[in-house]
Amino acid sequence: MFLLIVWPGGSIWGTLFSKMVGGGVSESFLFPLYGGLILLTGVVIGCGVVLLEEIRSLRKEIEALKKELKSKESQSANV
């Protein structure tokens, strides 16, 4: 990932961030770091979304198991 940002994508990051952030050649070493931070933020958000979906599905499974257990208990109490 780092090599992809620094080597072929270095010129892309340089042109994008030099317009937004400013600075000259002396600050150009920071541009790959900015790109890495942006990519890392995307990975963290993506992982958060996946975790949220897993938690929701587990919650639904737990509720279904509770309902099933209650129905079995009521059936055994009636017998």
Protein backbone atom coordinates (compact mmCIF):
# COMPACT_ATOMS: atom_id res chain seq x y z
CA MET A 1 0.00 0.00 0.00
CA PHE A 2 2.78 2.39 0.93
CA LEU A 3 4.65 1.73 -2.30
CA LEU A 4 1.48 2.29 -4.29
CA ILE A 5 1.02 5.68 -2.65
CA VAL A 6 4.62 6.81 -2.84
CA TRP A 7 5.94 5.42 -6.11
CA PRO A 8 3.37 5.65 -8.93
CA GLY A 9 0.85 7.74 -7.05
CA GLY A 10 3.37 10.22 -5.70
CA SER A 11 2.92 12.68 -8.53
CA ILE A 12 -0.86 12.45 -8.25
CA TRP A 13 -0.80 13.17 -4.54
CA GLY A 14 1.68 15.97 -5.13
CA THR A 15 -0.51 17.77 -7.62
CA LEU A 16 -3.69 17.27 -5.59
CA PHE A 17 -2.33 18.30 -2.23
CA SER A 18 -0.09 21.13 -3.42
CA LYS A 19 -3.20 22.97 -4.60
CA MET A 20 -5.22 22.29 -1.43
CA VAL A 21 -2.59 22.41 1.30
CA GLY A 22 -0.06 24.71 -0.24
CA GLY A 23 3.64 24.67 0.42
CA GLY A 24 6.52 24.06 -1.88
CA VAL A 25 9.13 21.45 -2.53
CA SER A 26 10.25 21.45 1.09
CA GLU A 27 6.81 20.20 2.23
CA SER A 28 6.28 17.72 -0.60
CA PHE A 29 7.41 14.78 1.55
CA LEU A 30 4.17 15.21 3.55
CA PHE A 31 1.87 14.56 0.58
CA PRO A 32 2.19 10.75 0.67
CA LEU A 33 1.46 10.90 4.39
CA TYR A 34 -1.72 12.87 3.72
CA GLY A 35 -2.75 10.29 1.13
CA GLY A 36 -2.03 7.48 3.59
CA LEU A 37 -4.16 9.15 6.23
CA ILE A 38 -7.04 9.46 3.80
CA LEU A 39 -6.77 5.79 2.82
CA LEU A 40 -6.49 4.72 6.46
CA THR A 41 -9.61 6.71 7.30
CA GLY A 42 -11.46 4.87 4.54
CA VAL A 43 -10.33 1.51 5.89
CA VAL A 44 -11.44 2.38 9.43
CA ILE A 45 -14.85 3.53 8.21
CA GLY A 46 -15.24 0.41 6.08
CA CYS A 47 -14.39 -1.84 9.04
CA GLY A 48 -16.86 0.06 11.20
CA VAL A 49 -19.64 -0.52 8.68
CA VAL A 50 -18.85 -4.25 8.51
CA LEU A 51 -18.82 -4.51 12.31
CA LEU A 52 -22.13 -2.67 12.57
CA GLU A 53 -23.77 -5.08 10.13
CA GLU A 54 -22.39 -8.09 12.00
CA ILE A 55 -23.68 -6.74 15.32
CA ARG A 56 -27.12 -6.18 13.82
CA SER A 57 -27.25 -9.71 12.39
CA LEU A 58 -26.13 -11.22 15.70
CA ARG A 59 -28.78 -9.23 17.54
CA LYS A 60 -31.45 -10.62 15.20
CA GLU A 61 -30.17 -14.17 15.72
CA ILE A 62 -30.24 -13.75 19.50
CA GLU A 63 -33.80 -12.44 19.40
CA ALA A 64 -34.89 -15.36 17.21
CA LEU A 65 -33.26 -17.85 19.59
CA LYS A 66 -34.98 -16.22 22.58
CA LYS A 67 -38.37 -16.50 20.87
CA GLU A 68 -37.69 -20.13 20.02
CA LEU A 69 -36.66 -20.89 23.60
CA LYS A 70 -39.79 -19.21 25.00
CA SER A 71 -42.03 -21.18 22.67
CA LYS A 72 -40.36 -24.44 23.71
CA GLU A 73 -40.74 -23.54 27.39
CA SER A 74 -44.43 -22.73 26.97
CA GLN A 75 -45.00 -26.00 25.10
CA SER A 76 -43.28 -28.02 27.83
CA ALA A 77 -45.28 -26.20 30.54
CA ASN A 78 -48.56 -27.05 28.80
CA VAL A 79 -47.77 -30.76 28.66
